[in-house]
Amino acid sequence: YLGHSMWYIPFFLILFIYFTGCFTPVAE
């Protein structure tokens, strides 16, 4: 419980923040 929460919440938060910058107007 405690270990998983402290481990996974920051992990997925960082992944999502990174994902927000993965957009481009160039189709190629």
PDB file of all heavy atoms in Angstrom:
ATOM      1  N   TYR A   1       0.816  -1.212   0.000  1.00  0.00           N
ATOM      2  CA  TYR A   1       0.000   0.000   0.000  1.00  0.00           C
ATOM      3  C   TYR A   1       0.855   1.271   0.000  1.00  0.00           C
ATOM      4  O   TYR A   1       0.857   2.035  -0.967  1.00  0.00           O
ATOM      5  CB  TYR A   1      -0.964  -0.002   1.194  1.00  0.00           C
ATOM      6  CG  TYR A   1      -1.984  -1.110   1.119  1.00  0.00           C
ATOM      7  CD1 TYR A   1      -1.831  -2.282   1.851  1.00  0.00           C
ATOM      8  CD2 TYR A   1      -3.102  -0.996   0.288  1.00  0.00           C
ATOM      9  CE1 TYR A   1      -2.760  -3.313   1.766  1.00  0.00           C
ATOM     10  CE2 TYR A   1      -4.043  -2.014   0.198  1.00  0.00           C
ATOM     11  CZ  TYR A   1      -3.867  -3.176   0.940  1.00  0.00           C
ATOM     12  OH  TYR A   1      -4.780  -4.189   0.836  1.00  0.00           O
ATOM     13  N   LEU A   2       1.591   1.497   1.090  1.00  0.00           N
ATOM     14  CA  LEU A   2       2.368   2.726   1.190  1.00  0.00           C
ATOM     15  C   LEU A   2       3.470   2.771   0.134  1.00  0.00           C
ATOM     16  O   LEU A   2       3.637   3.769  -0.585  1.00  0.00           O
ATOM     17  CB  LEU A   2       2.967   2.845   2.592  1.00  0.00           C
ATOM     18  CG  LEU A   2       3.737   4.142   2.879  1.00  0.00           C
ATOM     19  CD1 LEU A   2       2.809   5.338   2.751  1.00  0.00           C
ATOM     20  CD2 LEU A   2       4.374   4.095   4.261  1.00  0.00           C
ATOM     21  N   GLY A   3       4.219   1.676   0.006  1.00  0.00           N
ATOM     22  CA  GLY A   3       5.316   1.631  -0.968  1.00  0.00           C
ATOM     23  C   GLY A   3       4.822   1.804  -2.390  1.00  0.00           C
ATOM     24  O   GLY A   3       5.398   2.565  -3.174  1.00  0.00           O
ATOM     25  N   HIS A   4       3.741   1.112  -2.736  1.00  0.00           N
ATOM     26  CA  HIS A   4       3.201   1.211  -4.096  1.00  0.00           C
ATOM     27  C   HIS A   4       2.704   2.619  -4.401  1.00  0.00           C
ATOM     28  O   HIS A   4       2.922   3.135  -5.506  1.00  0.00           O
ATOM     29  CB  HIS A   4       2.068   0.207  -4.279  1.00  0.00           C
ATOM     30  CG  HIS A   4       2.551  -1.197  -4.467  1.00  0.00           C
ATOM     31  ND1 HIS A   4       1.714  -2.254  -4.754  1.00  0.00           N
ATOM     32  CD2 HIS A   4       3.804  -1.728  -4.416  1.00  0.00           C
ATOM     33  CE1 HIS A   4       2.421  -3.360  -4.884  1.00  0.00           C
ATOM     34  NE2 HIS A   4       3.692  -3.067  -4.665  1.00  0.00           N
ATOM     35  N   SER A   5       2.023   3.231  -3.448  1.00  0.00           N
ATOM     36  CA  SER A   5       1.485   4.576  -3.673  1.00  0.00           C
ATOM     37  C   SER A   5       2.611   5.587  -3.892  1.00  0.00           C
ATOM     38  O   SER A   5       2.566   6.399  -4.818  1.00  0.00           O
ATOM     39  CB  SER A   5       0.616   5.011  -2.481  1.00  0.00           C
ATOM     40  OG  SER A   5      -0.491   4.147  -2.332  1.00  0.00           O
ATOM     41  N   MET A   6       3.635   5.537  -3.029  1.00  0.00           N
ATOM     42  CA  MET A   6       4.744   6.483  -3.138  1.00  0.00           C
ATOM     43  C   MET A   6       5.593   6.211  -4.375  1.00  0.00           C
ATOM     44  O   MET A   6       6.271   7.108  -4.879  1.00  0.00           O
ATOM     45  CB  MET A   6       5.613   6.407  -1.882  1.00  0.00           C
ATOM     46  CG  MET A   6       4.922   6.871  -0.624  1.00  0.00           C
ATOM     47  SD  MET A   6       5.967   6.721   0.850  1.00  0.00           S
ATOM     48  CE  MET A   6       7.241   7.913   0.476  1.00  0.00           C
ATOM     49  N   TRP A   7       5.550   4.986  -4.879  1.00  0.00           N
ATOM     50  CA  TRP A   7       6.324   4.619  -6.058  1.00  0.00           C
ATOM     51  C   TRP A   7       5.582   4.978  -7.336  1.00  0.00           C
ATOM     52  O   TRP A   7       6.098   5.689  -8.205  1.00  0.00           O
ATOM     53  CB  TRP A   7       6.605   3.115  -5.982  1.00  0.00           C
ATOM     54  CG  TRP A   7       7.311   2.520  -7.169  1.00  0.00           C
ATOM     55  CD1 TRP A   7       7.862   3.173  -8.236  1.00  0.00           C
ATOM     56  CD2 TRP A   7       7.544   1.132  -7.406  1.00  0.00           C
ATOM     57  NE1 TRP A   7       8.413   2.269  -9.129  1.00  0.00           N
ATOM     58  CE2 TRP A   7       8.236   1.016  -8.637  1.00  0.00           C
ATOM     59  CE3 TRP A   7       7.234  -0.026  -6.698  1.00  0.00           C
ATOM     60  CZ2 TRP A   7       8.613  -0.219  -9.175  1.00  0.00           C
ATOM     61  CZ3 TRP A   7       7.620  -1.249  -7.230  1.00  0.00           C
ATOM     62  CH2 TRP A   7       8.297  -1.336  -8.451  1.00  0.00           C
ATOM     63  N   TYR A   8       4.348   4.543  -7.460  1.00  0.00           N
ATOM     64  CA  TYR A   8       3.650   4.610  -8.746  1.00  0.00           C
ATOM     65  C   TYR A   8       3.022   5.962  -9.053  1.00  0.00           C
ATOM     66  O   TYR A   8       2.942   6.362 -10.217  1.00  0.00           O
ATOM     67  CB  TYR A   8       2.580   3.521  -8.818  1.00  0.00           C
ATOM     68  CG  TYR A   8       3.143   2.132  -8.895  1.00  0.00           C
ATOM     69  CD1 TYR A   8       2.776   1.156  -7.969  1.00  0.00           C
ATOM     70  CD2 TYR A   8       4.056   1.790  -9.885  1.00  0.00           C
ATOM     71  CE1 TYR A   8       3.294  -0.128  -8.043  1.00  0.00           C
ATOM     72  CE2 TYR A   8       4.582   0.508  -9.958  1.00  0.00           C
ATOM     73  CZ  TYR A   8       4.188  -0.448  -9.035  1.00  0.00           C
ATOM     74  OH  TYR A   8       4.716  -1.707  -9.109  1.00  0.00           O
ATOM     75  N   ILE A   9       2.545   6.689  -8.047  1.00  0.00           N
ATOM     76  CA  ILE A   9       1.914   7.984  -8.320  1.00  0.00           C
ATOM     77  C   ILE A   9       2.903   8.954  -8.961  1.00  0.00           C
ATOM     78  O   ILE A   9       2.609   9.548 -10.014  1.00  0.00           O
ATOM     79  CB  ILE A   9       1.280   8.566  -7.037  1.00  0.00           C
ATOM     80  CG1 ILE A   9       0.062   7.721  -6.629  1.00  0.00           C
ATOM     81  CG2 ILE A   9       0.860  10.022  -7.247  1.00  0.00           C
ATOM     82  CD1 ILE A   9      -0.568   8.133  -5.317  1.00  0.00           C
ATOM     83  N   PRO A  10       4.110   9.151  -8.388  1.00  0.00           N
ATOM     84  CA  PRO A  10       5.083  10.025  -9.081  1.00  0.00           C
ATOM     85  C   PRO A  10       5.497   9.474 -10.443  1.00  0.00           C
ATOM     86  O   PRO A  10       5.712  10.239 -11.381  1.00  0.00           O
ATOM     87  CB  PRO A  10       6.275  10.066  -8.112  1.00  0.00           C
ATOM     88  CG  PRO A  10       5.732   9.668  -6.794  1.00  0.00           C
ATOM     89  CD  PRO A  10       4.633   8.706  -7.082  1.00  0.00           C
ATOM     90  N   PHE A  11       5.601   8.152 -10.568  1.00  0.00           N
ATOM     91  CA  PHE A  11       6.016   7.531 -11.823  1.00  0.00           C
ATOM     92  C   PHE A  11       5.036   7.864 -12.952  1.00  0.00           C
ATOM     93  O   PHE A  11       5.431   8.342 -14.022  1.00  0.00           O
ATOM     94  CB  PHE A  11       6.120   6.023 -11.627  1.00  0.00           C
ATOM     95  CG  PHE A  11       6.546   5.271 -12.855  1.00  0.00           C
ATOM     96  CD1 PHE A  11       7.871   5.274 -13.261  1.00  0.00           C
ATOM     97  CD2 PHE A  11       5.631   4.556 -13.608  1.00  0.00           C
ATOM     98  CE1 PHE A  11       8.282   4.579 -14.389  1.00  0.00           C
ATOM     99  CE2 PHE A  11       6.022   3.860 -14.742  1.00  0.00           C
ATOM    100  CZ  PHE A  11       7.351   3.870 -15.133  1.00  0.00           C
ATOM    101  N   PHE A  12       3.749   7.647 -12.713  1.00  0.00           N
ATOM    102  CA  PHE A  12       2.749   7.918 -13.744  1.00  0.00           C
ATOM    103  C   PHE A  12       2.555   9.416 -13.952  1.00  0.00           C
ATOM    104  O   PHE A  12       2.224   9.852 -15.056  1.00  0.00           O
ATOM    105  CB  PHE A  12       1.420   7.242 -13.387  1.00  0.00           C
ATOM    106  CG  PHE A  12       1.376   5.780 -13.754  1.00  0.00           C
ATOM    107  CD1 PHE A  12       1.803   4.814 -12.865  1.00  0.00           C
ATOM    108  CD2 PHE A  12       0.932   5.381 -15.006  1.00  0.00           C
ATOM    109  CE1 PHE A  12       1.768   3.466 -13.208  1.00  0.00           C
ATOM    110  CE2 PHE A  12       0.903   4.041 -15.363  1.00  0.00           C
ATOM    111  CZ  PHE A  12       1.322   3.080 -14.463  1.00  0.00           C
ATOM    112  N   LEU A  13       2.753  10.202 -12.908  1.00  0.00           N
ATOM    113  CA  LEU A  13       2.663  11.655 -13.051  1.00  0.00           C
ATOM    114  C   LEU A  13       3.733  12.167 -14.008  1.00  0.00           C
ATOM    115  O   LEU A  13       3.451  12.968 -14.912  1.00  0.00           O
ATOM    116  CB  LEU A  13       2.812  12.325 -11.685  1.00  0.00           C
ATOM    117  CG  LEU A  13       2.845  13.862 -11.686  1.00  0.00           C
ATOM    118  CD1 LEU A  13       1.529  14.428 -12.200  1.00  0.00           C
ATOM    119  CD2 LEU A  13       3.152  14.394 -10.283  1.00  0.00           C
ATOM    120  N   ILE A  14       4.964  11.688 -13.838  1.00  0.00           N
ATOM    121  CA  ILE A  14       6.061  12.118 -14.712  1.00  0.00           C
ATOM    122  C   ILE A  14       5.826  11.646 -16.143  1.00  0.00           C
ATOM    123  O   ILE A  14       6.082  12.375 -17.109  1.00  0.00           O
ATOM    124  CB  ILE A  14       7.403  11.603 -14.158  1.00  0.00           C
ATOM    125  CG1 ILE A  14       7.737  12.353 -12.858  1.00  0.00           C
ATOM    126  CG2 ILE A  14       8.528  11.780 -15.168  1.00  0.00           C
ATOM    127  CD1 ILE A  14       8.952  11.827 -12.136  1.00  0.00           C
ATOM    128  N   LEU A  15       5.336  10.404 -16.301  1.00  0.00           N
ATOM    129  CA  LEU A  15       5.026   9.907 -17.645  1.00  0.00           C
ATOM    130  C   LEU A  15       3.982  10.774 -18.333  1.00  0.00           C
ATOM    131  O   LEU A  15       4.100  11.097 -19.520  1.00  0.00           O
ATOM    132  CB  LEU A  15       4.538   8.459 -17.573  1.00  0.00           C
ATOM    133  CG  LEU A  15       5.578   7.359 -17.373  1.00  0.00           C
ATOM    134  CD1 LEU A  15       4.902   5.995 -17.375  1.00  0.00           C
ATOM    135  CD2 LEU A  15       6.651   7.408 -18.444  1.00  0.00           C
ATOM    136  N   PHE A  16       2.948  11.163 -17.587  1.00  0.00           N
ATOM    137  CA  PHE A  16       1.887  11.982 -18.183  1.00  0.00           C
ATOM    138  C   PHE A  16       2.403  13.373 -18.537  1.00  0.00           C
ATOM    139  O   PHE A  16       2.066  13.922 -19.600  1.00  0.00           O
ATOM    140  CB  PHE A  16       0.697  12.090 -17.238  1.00  0.00           C
ATOM    141  CG  PHE A  16      -0.429  12.926 -17.792  1.00  0.00           C
ATOM    142  CD1 PHE A  16      -1.245  12.434 -18.797  1.00  0.00           C
ATOM    143  CD2 PHE A  16      -0.641  14.219 -17.318  1.00  0.00           C
ATOM    144  CE1 PHE A  16      -2.272  13.212 -19.320  1.00  0.00           C
ATOM    145  CE2 PHE A  16      -1.662  14.991 -17.845  1.00  0.00           C
ATOM    146  CZ  PHE A  16      -2.483  14.491 -18.840  1.00  0.00           C
ATOM    147  N   ILE A  17       3.213  13.957 -17.660  1.00  0.00           N
ATOM    148  CA  ILE A  17       3.781  15.278 -17.948  1.00  0.00           C
ATOM    149  C   ILE A  17       4.626  15.211 -19.215  1.00  0.00           C
ATOM    150  O   ILE A  17       4.564  16.104 -20.076  1.00  0.00           O
ATOM    151  CB  ILE A  17       4.610  15.769 -16.751  1.00  0.00           C
ATOM    152  CG1 ILE A  17       3.698  16.048 -15.557  1.00  0.00           C
ATOM    153  CG2 ILE A  17       5.393  17.029 -17.113  1.00  0.00           C
ATOM    154  CD1 ILE A  17       4.443  16.276 -14.258  1.00  0.00           C
ATOM    155  N   TYR A  18       5.426  14.148 -19.341  1.00  0.00           N
ATOM    156  CA  TYR A  18       6.216  13.971 -20.551  1.00  0.00           C
ATOM    157  C   TYR A  18       5.307  13.828 -21.777  1.00  0.00           C
ATOM    158  O   TYR A  18       5.584  14.383 -22.841  1.00  0.00           O
ATOM    159  CB  TYR A  18       7.107  12.738 -20.404  1.00  0.00           C
ATOM    160  CG  TYR A  18       7.854  12.378 -21.667  1.00  0.00           C
ATOM    161  CD1 TYR A  18       8.943  13.131 -22.088  1.00  0.00           C
ATOM    162  CD2 TYR A  18       7.472  11.283 -22.441  1.00  0.00           C
ATOM    163  CE1 TYR A  18       9.630  12.812 -23.246  1.00  0.00           C
ATOM    164  CE2 TYR A  18       8.153  10.955 -23.600  1.00  0.00           C
ATOM    165  CZ  TYR A  18       9.227  11.718 -23.995  1.00  0.00           C
ATOM    166  OH  TYR A  18       9.902  11.403 -25.144  1.00  0.00           O
ATOM    167  N   PHE A  19       4.215  13.096 -21.606  1.00  0.00           N
ATOM    168  CA  PHE A  19       3.281  12.857 -22.706  1.00  0.00           C
ATOM    169  C   PHE A  19       2.654  14.153 -23.214  1.00  0.00           C
ATOM    170  O   PHE A  19       2.391  14.301 -24.414  1.00  0.00           O
ATOM    171  CB  PHE A  19       2.186  11.888 -22.247  1.00  0.00           C
ATOM    172  CG  PHE A  19       1.209  11.495 -23.315  1.00  0.00           C
ATOM    173  CD1 PHE A  19       1.543  10.564 -24.285  1.00  0.00           C
ATOM    174  CD2 PHE A  19      -0.056  12.065 -23.352  1.00  0.00           C
ATOM    175  CE1 PHE A  19       0.634  10.192 -25.267  1.00  0.00           C
ATOM    176  CE2 PHE A  19      -0.965  11.705 -24.335  1.00  0.00           C
ATOM    177  CZ  PHE A  19      -0.623  10.773 -25.294  1.00  0.00           C
ATOM    178  N   THR A  20       2.439  15.115 -22.311  1.00  0.00           N
ATOM    179  CA  THR A  20       1.818  16.381 -22.726  1.00  0.00           C
ATOM    180  C   THR A  20       2.686  17.161 -23.708  1.00  0.00           C
ATOM    181  O   THR A  20       2.192  18.018 -24.442  1.00  0.00           O
ATOM    182  CB  THR A  20       1.536  17.277 -21.504  1.00  0.00           C
ATOM    183  OG1 THR A  20       2.766  17.553 -20.819  1.00  0.00           O
ATOM    184  CG2 THR A  20       0.565  16.607 -20.545  1.00  0.00           C
ATOM    185  N   GLY A  21       3.985  16.860 -23.735  1.00  0.00           N
ATOM    186  CA  GLY A  21       4.878  17.552 -24.655  1.00  0.00           C
ATOM    187  C   GLY A  21       5.149  16.780 -25.939  1.00  0.00           C
ATOM    188  O   GLY A  21       5.960  17.218 -26.757  1.00  0.00           O
ATOM    189  N   CYS A  22       4.475  15.642 -26.112  1.00  0.00           N
ATOM    190  CA  CYS A  22       4.725  14.782 -27.280  1.00  0.00           C
ATOM    191  C   CYS A  22       3.726  15.042 -28.413  1.00  0.00           C
ATOM    192  O   CYS A  22       3.132  14.101 -28.958  1.00  0.00           O
ATOM    193  CB  CYS A  22       4.673  13.310 -26.861  1.00  0.00           C
ATOM    194  SG  CYS A  22       5.986  12.819 -25.750  1.00  0.00           S
ATOM    195  N   PHE A  23       3.535  16.303 -28.766  1.00  0.00           N
ATOM    196  CA  PHE A  23       2.605  16.652 -29.854  1.00  0.00           C
ATOM    197  C   PHE A  23       3.335  17.524 -30.870  1.00  0.00           C
ATOM    198  O   PHE A  23       4.220  18.309 -30.517  1.00  0.00           O
ATOM    199  CB  PHE A  23       1.373  17.368 -29.317  1.00  0.00           C
ATOM    200  CG  PHE A  23       0.452  16.482 -28.521  1.00  0.00           C
ATOM    201  CD1 PHE A  23       0.642  16.295 -27.155  1.00  0.00           C
ATOM    202  CD2 PHE A  23      -0.599  15.816 -29.140  1.00  0.00           C
ATOM    203  CE1 PHE A  23      -0.198  15.477 -26.426  1.00  0.00           C
ATOM    204  CE2 PHE A  23      -1.447  14.996 -28.421  1.00  0.00           C
ATOM    205  CZ  PHE A  23      -1.246  14.826 -27.054  1.00  0.00           C
ATOM    206  N   THR A  24       2.946  17.368 -32.117  1.00  0.00           N
ATOM    207  CA  THR A  24       3.604  18.107 -33.196  1.00  0.00           C
ATOM    208  C   THR A  24       2.597  18.431 -34.294  1.00  0.00           C
ATOM    209  O   THR A  24       1.653  17.668 -34.516  1.00  0.00           O
ATOM    210  CB  THR A  24       4.757  17.272 -33.792  1.00  0.00           C
ATOM    211  OG1 THR A  24       5.318  17.965 -34.905  1.00  0.00           O
ATOM    212  CG2 THR A  24       4.273  15.912 -34.253  1.00  0.00           C
ATOM    213  N   PRO A  25       2.766  19.558 -34.988  1.00  0.00           N
ATOM    214  CA  PRO A  25       1.888  19.871 -36.123  1.00  0.00           C
ATOM    215  C   PRO A  25       2.338  19.198 -37.418  1.00  0.00           C
ATOM    216  O   PRO A  25       1.623  19.240 -38.427  1.00  0.00           O
ATOM    217  CB  PRO A  25       2.002  21.395 -36.235  1.00  0.00           C
ATOM    218  CG  PRO A  25       3.368  21.698 -35.708  1.00  0.00           C
ATOM    219  CD  PRO A  25       3.647  20.685 -34.642  1.00  0.00           C
ATOM    220  N   VAL A  26       3.518  18.577 -37.385  1.00  0.00           N
ATOM    221  CA  VAL A  26       4.090  17.951 -38.585  1.00  0.00           C
ATOM    222  C   VAL A  26       3.705  16.481 -38.632  1.00  0.00           C
ATOM    223  O   VAL A  26       4.104  15.696 -37.759  1.00  0.00           O
ATOM    224  CB  VAL A  26       5.622  18.097 -38.611  1.00  0.00           C
ATOM    225  CG1 VAL A  26       6.184  17.522 -39.906  1.00  0.00           C
ATOM    226  CG2 VAL A  26       6.028  19.561 -38.442  1.00  0.00           C
ATOM    227  N   ALA A  27       2.931  16.098 -39.650  1.00  0.00           N
ATOM    228  CA  ALA A  27       2.444  14.724 -39.749  1.00  0.00           C
ATOM    229  C   ALA A  27       3.578  13.722 -39.937  1.00  0.00           C
ATOM    230  O   ALA A  27       3.494  12.577 -39.486  1.00  0.00           O
ATOM    231  CB  ALA A  27       1.450  14.608 -40.897  1.00  0.00           C
ATOM    232  N   GLU A  28       4.671  14.146 -40.594  1.00  0.00           N
ATOM    233  CA  GLU A  28       5.783  13.243 -40.853  1.00  0.00           C
ATOM    234  C   GLU A  28       6.467  12.774 -39.572  1.00  0.00           C
ATOM    235  O   GLU A  28       7.097  11.721 -39.536  1.00  0.00           O
ATOM    236  CB  GLU A  28       6.817  13.908 -41.768  1.00  0.00           C
ATOM    237  CG  GLU A  28       6.400  14.044 -43.229  1.00  0.00           C
ATOM    238  CD  GLU A  28       5.349  15.137 -43.436  1.00  0.00           C
ATOM    239  OE1 GLU A  28       5.175  15.975 -42.517  1.00  0.00           O
ATOM    240  OE2 GLU A  28       4.699  15.141 -44.496  1.00  0.00           O
TER     241      GLU A  28
END
